[in-house]
């Protein structure tokens, strides 16, 4: 009987951890920004990013979706130098290259709140032609 209780407690603990892990991952992908706000999304390391980039320190893509009613822009920088600025319209999705050392900011200039979703994808290396 004790081994059955231990097994049930272990399964319950694993189930709870699974749900907490999934909740944490989901909580880090949807963002709401106030009017005229800029937010660093990626680039400064663990504990300082708004979005958890599983490919931090590697070349990757950020998939950014505007899930709200207000346009906003993405600013990609490296060491304080702006590489590119990309506008994202309502219901639009963009795939942005983030190379090692790049930072991505969300900039809002609208009167209303901005809603966005962020995901990351590993950049596949191209094979050299022989």
C-alpha atoms as a PDB file:
ATOM      1  CA  UNK A   1       0.000   0.000   0.000  1.00  0.00           C
ATOM      2  CA  UNK A   2       2.877   2.388   0.784  1.00  0.00           C
ATOM      3  CA  UNK A   3       4.442   1.877  -2.647  1.00  0.00           C
ATOM      4  CA  UNK A   4       1.101   2.702  -4.315  1.00  0.00           C
ATOM      5  CA  UNK A   5       0.840   5.944  -2.342  1.00  0.00           C
ATOM      6  CA  UNK A   6       4.435   6.835  -3.189  1.00  0.00           C
ATOM      7  CA  UNK A   7       3.763   6.170  -6.872  1.00  0.00           C
ATOM      8  CA  UNK A   8       0.604   8.303  -6.802  1.00  0.00           C
ATOM      9  CA  UNK A   9       2.423  11.155  -5.048  1.00  0.00           C
ATOM     10  CA  UNK A  10       5.236  10.979  -7.593  1.00  0.00           C
ATOM     11  CA  UNK A  11       2.809  11.021 -10.534  1.00  0.00           C
ATOM     12  CA  UNK A  12       0.919  13.933  -9.007  1.00  0.00           C
ATOM     13  CA  UNK A  13       4.154  15.892  -8.518  1.00  0.00           C
ATOM     14  CA  UNK A  14       5.206  15.231 -12.131  1.00  0.00           C
ATOM     15  CA  UNK A  15       1.785  16.326 -13.382  1.00  0.00           C
ATOM     16  CA  UNK A  16       1.955  19.557 -11.339  1.00  0.00           C
ATOM     17  CA  UNK A  17       5.456  20.341 -12.618  1.00  0.00           C
ATOM     18  CA  UNK A  18       4.342  19.725 -16.190  1.00  0.00           C
ATOM     19  CA  UNK A  19       1.454  22.176 -15.860  1.00  0.00           C
ATOM     20  CA  UNK A  20       3.625  24.801 -14.178  1.00  0.00           C
ATOM     21  CA  UNK A  21       6.275  24.487 -16.887  1.00  0.00           C
ATOM     22  CA  UNK A  22       3.675  24.860 -19.636  1.00  0.00           C
ATOM     23  CA  UNK A  23       2.104  27.856 -17.887  1.00  0.00           C
ATOM     24  CA  UNK A  24       5.476  29.585 -17.565  1.00  0.00           C
ATOM     25  CA  UNK A  25       6.239  29.046 -21.268  1.00  0.00           C
ATOM     26  CA  UNK A  26       2.837  30.382 -22.313  1.00  0.00           C
ATOM     27  CA  UNK A  27       3.091  33.366 -19.976  1.00  0.00           C
ATOM     28  CA  UNK A  28       6.296  34.510 -21.679  1.00  0.00           C
ATOM     29  CA  UNK A  29       4.968  34.671 -25.242  1.00  0.00           C
ATOM     30  CA  UNK A  30       2.015  37.096 -25.014  1.00  0.00           C
ATOM     31  CA  UNK A  31       2.671  40.743 -24.218  1.00  0.00           C
ATOM     32  CA  UNK A  32       0.675  43.892 -23.668  1.00  0.00           C
ATOM     33  CA  UNK A  33       2.477  47.203 -23.990  1.00  0.00           C
ATOM     34  CA  UNK A  34       1.185  50.575 -22.891  1.00  0.00           C
ATOM     35  CA  UNK A  35       0.970  53.545 -25.291  1.00  0.00           C
ATOM     36  CA  UNK A  36       4.341  55.132 -26.125  1.00  0.00           C
ATOM     37  CA  UNK A  37       6.294  52.316 -24.474  1.00  0.00           C
ATOM     38  CA  UNK A  38       9.526  50.648 -25.581  1.00  0.00           C
ATOM     39  CA  UNK A  39      10.408  47.220 -24.255  1.00  0.00           C
ATOM     40  CA  UNK A  40      13.559  45.169 -24.678  1.00  0.00           C
ATOM     41  CA  UNK A  41      12.305  41.749 -25.705  1.00  0.00           C
ATOM     42  CA  UNK A  42      15.565  39.814 -26.165  1.00  0.00           C
ATOM     43  CA  UNK A  43      19.285  40.252 -25.951  1.00  0.00           C
ATOM     44  CA  UNK A  44      20.451  40.912 -22.407  1.00  0.00           C
ATOM     45  CA  UNK A  45      20.496  37.366 -21.032  1.00  0.00           C
ATOM     46  CA  UNK A  46      18.491  35.225 -18.640  1.00  0.00           C
ATOM     47  CA  UNK A  47      16.400  37.123 -16.127  1.00  0.00           C
ATOM     48  CA  UNK A  48      16.538  40.392 -18.072  1.00  0.00           C
ATOM     49  CA  UNK A  49      14.598  39.516 -21.213  1.00  0.00           C
ATOM     50  CA  UNK A  50      10.871  40.075 -21.571  1.00  0.00           C
ATOM     51  CA  UNK A  51      10.671  36.968 -23.770  1.00  0.00           C
ATOM     52  CA  UNK A  52      12.576  33.797 -23.030  1.00  0.00           C
ATOM     53  CA  UNK A  53      14.628  33.006 -26.116  1.00  0.00           C
ATOM     54  CA  UNK A  54      15.649  29.336 -25.991  1.00  0.00           C
ATOM     55  CA  UNK A  55      18.302  30.089 -28.631  1.00  0.00           C
ATOM     56  CA  UNK A  56      20.016  32.927 -26.755  1.00  0.00           C
ATOM     57  CA  UNK A  57      23.608  33.235 -27.961  1.00  0.00           C
ATOM     58  CA  UNK A  58      22.778  31.602 -31.313  1.00  0.00           C
ATOM     59  CA  UNK A  59      21.419  32.840 -34.620  1.00  0.00           C
ATOM     60  CA  UNK A  60      17.636  32.423 -34.646  1.00  0.00           C
ATOM     61  CA  UNK A  61      14.375  33.883 -35.878  1.00  0.00           C
ATOM     62  CA  UNK A  62      11.815  35.745 -33.799  1.00  0.00           C
ATOM     63  CA  UNK A  63       8.269  35.220 -35.057  1.00  0.00           C
ATOM     64  CA  UNK A  64       6.301  38.282 -33.959  1.00  0.00           C
ATOM     65  CA  UNK A  65       2.533  38.500 -34.343  1.00  0.00           C
ATOM     66  CA  UNK A  66       0.444  41.621 -33.766  1.00  0.00           C
ATOM     67  CA  UNK A  67      -2.602  40.232 -31.939  1.00  0.00           C
ATOM     68  CA  UNK A  68      -4.085  43.630 -31.132  1.00  0.00           C
ATOM     69  CA  UNK A  69      -5.695  46.582 -32.883  1.00  0.00           C
ATOM     70  CA  UNK A  70      -2.712  48.959 -32.843  1.00  0.00           C
ATOM     71  CA  UNK A  71       0.324  49.001 -35.148  1.00  0.00           C
ATOM     72  CA  UNK A  72       3.745  48.842 -33.505  1.00  0.00           C
ATOM     73  CA  UNK A  73       7.331  48.459 -34.627  1.00  0.00           C
ATOM     74  CA  UNK A  74      10.246  46.170 -33.910  1.00  0.00           C
ATOM     75  CA  UNK A  75      13.700  47.652 -33.547  1.00  0.00           C
ATOM     76  CA  UNK A  76      16.690  45.331 -33.995  1.00  0.00           C
ATOM     77  CA  UNK A  77      19.961  46.638 -32.561  1.00  0.00           C
ATOM     78  CA  UNK A  78      23.507  45.501 -31.979  1.00  0.00           C
ATOM     79  CA  UNK A  79      25.661  47.342 -29.405  1.00  0.00           C
ATOM     80  CA  UNK A  80      23.417  50.415 -29.584  1.00  0.00           C
ATOM     81  CA  UNK A  81      23.394  50.593 -33.395  1.00  0.00           C
ATOM     82  CA  UNK A  82      19.994  50.185 -35.044  1.00  0.00           C
ATOM     83  CA  UNK A  83      20.164  47.424 -37.672  1.00  0.00           C
ATOM     84  CA  UNK A  84      16.551  47.701 -38.861  1.00  0.00           C
ATOM     85  CA  UNK A  85      13.106  48.920 -37.863  1.00  0.00           C
ATOM     86  CA  UNK A  86      10.068  46.905 -38.959  1.00  0.00           C
ATOM     87  CA  UNK A  87       6.428  48.047 -38.717  1.00  0.00           C
ATOM     88  CA  UNK A  88       3.868  45.381 -37.818  1.00  0.00           C
ATOM     89  CA  UNK A  89       0.251  46.108 -38.732  1.00  0.00           C
ATOM     90  CA  UNK A  90      -2.844  44.734 -37.029  1.00  0.00           C
ATOM     91  CA  UNK A  91      -3.139  40.922 -37.421  1.00  0.00           C
ATOM     92  CA  UNK A  92       0.239  40.758 -39.187  1.00  0.00           C
ATOM     93  CA  UNK A  93       3.049  38.300 -38.470  1.00  0.00           C
ATOM     94  CA  UNK A  94       6.740  38.847 -39.270  1.00  0.00           C
ATOM     95  CA  UNK A  95       9.760  36.566 -39.086  1.00  0.00           C
ATOM     96  CA  UNK A  96      12.814  38.538 -37.985  1.00  0.00           C
ATOM     97  CA  UNK A  97      16.424  37.320 -38.092  1.00  0.00           C
ATOM     98  CA  UNK A  98      18.172  37.718 -34.751  1.00  0.00           C
ATOM     99  CA  UNK A  99      21.867  37.020 -35.074  1.00  0.00           C
ATOM    100  CA  UNK A 100      24.112  36.408 -32.088  1.00  0.00           C
ATOM    101  CA  UNK A 101      24.463  39.656 -30.123  1.00  0.00           C
ATOM    102  CA  UNK A 102      21.330  41.286 -31.548  1.00  0.00           C
ATOM    103  CA  UNK A 103      18.682  42.876 -29.326  1.00  0.00           C
ATOM    104  CA  UNK A 104      15.011  43.200 -30.264  1.00  0.00           C
ATOM    105  CA  UNK A 105      12.816  46.010 -28.931  1.00  0.00           C
ATOM    106  CA  UNK A 106       9.090  46.606 -29.307  1.00  0.00           C
ATOM    107  CA  UNK A 107       8.211  50.274 -29.758  1.00  0.00           C
ATOM    108  CA  UNK A 108       4.669  51.620 -29.493  1.00  0.00           C
ATOM    109  CA  UNK A 109       3.668  55.075 -30.630  1.00  0.00           C
ATOM    110  CA  UNK A 110      -0.095  54.584 -30.569  1.00  0.00           C
ATOM    111  CA  UNK A 111      -2.702  55.931 -28.166  1.00  0.00           C
ATOM    112  CA  UNK A 112      -3.959  52.438 -27.290  1.00  0.00           C
ATOM    113  CA  UNK A 113      -2.409  49.323 -25.822  1.00  0.00           C
ATOM    114  CA  UNK A 114      -0.471  46.984 -28.097  1.00  0.00           C
ATOM    115  CA  UNK A 115      -0.849  43.203 -27.932  1.00  0.00           C
ATOM    116  CA  UNK A 116       1.781  40.927 -29.418  1.00  0.00           C
ATOM    117  CA  UNK A 117       2.887  37.317 -29.410  1.00  0.00           C
ATOM    118  CA  UNK A 118       6.513  36.196 -29.753  1.00  0.00           C
ATOM    119  CA  UNK A 119       7.983  32.811 -30.578  1.00  0.00           C
ATOM    120  CA  UNK A 120      11.469  31.729 -31.585  1.00  0.00           C
ATOM    121  CA  UNK A 121      12.803  29.347 -34.203  1.00  0.00           C
ATOM    122  CA  UNK A 122      16.316  28.032 -34.587  1.00  0.00           C
ATOM    123  CA  UNK A 123      18.057  29.232 -37.729  1.00  0.00           C
ATOM    124  CA  UNK A 124      19.098  26.305 -39.887  1.00  0.00           C
ATOM    125  CA  UNK A 125      22.644  26.399 -41.110  1.00  0.00           C
ATOM    126  CA  UNK A 126      23.177  26.220 -44.821  1.00  0.00           C
ATOM    127  CA  UNK A 127      25.434  23.494 -46.097  1.00  0.00           C
ATOM    128  CA  UNK A 128      28.330  24.507 -48.258  1.00  0.00           C
ATOM    129  CA  UNK A 129      28.073  23.390 -51.861  1.00  0.00           C
ATOM    130  CA  UNK A 130      30.784  21.018 -52.950  1.00  0.00           C
END
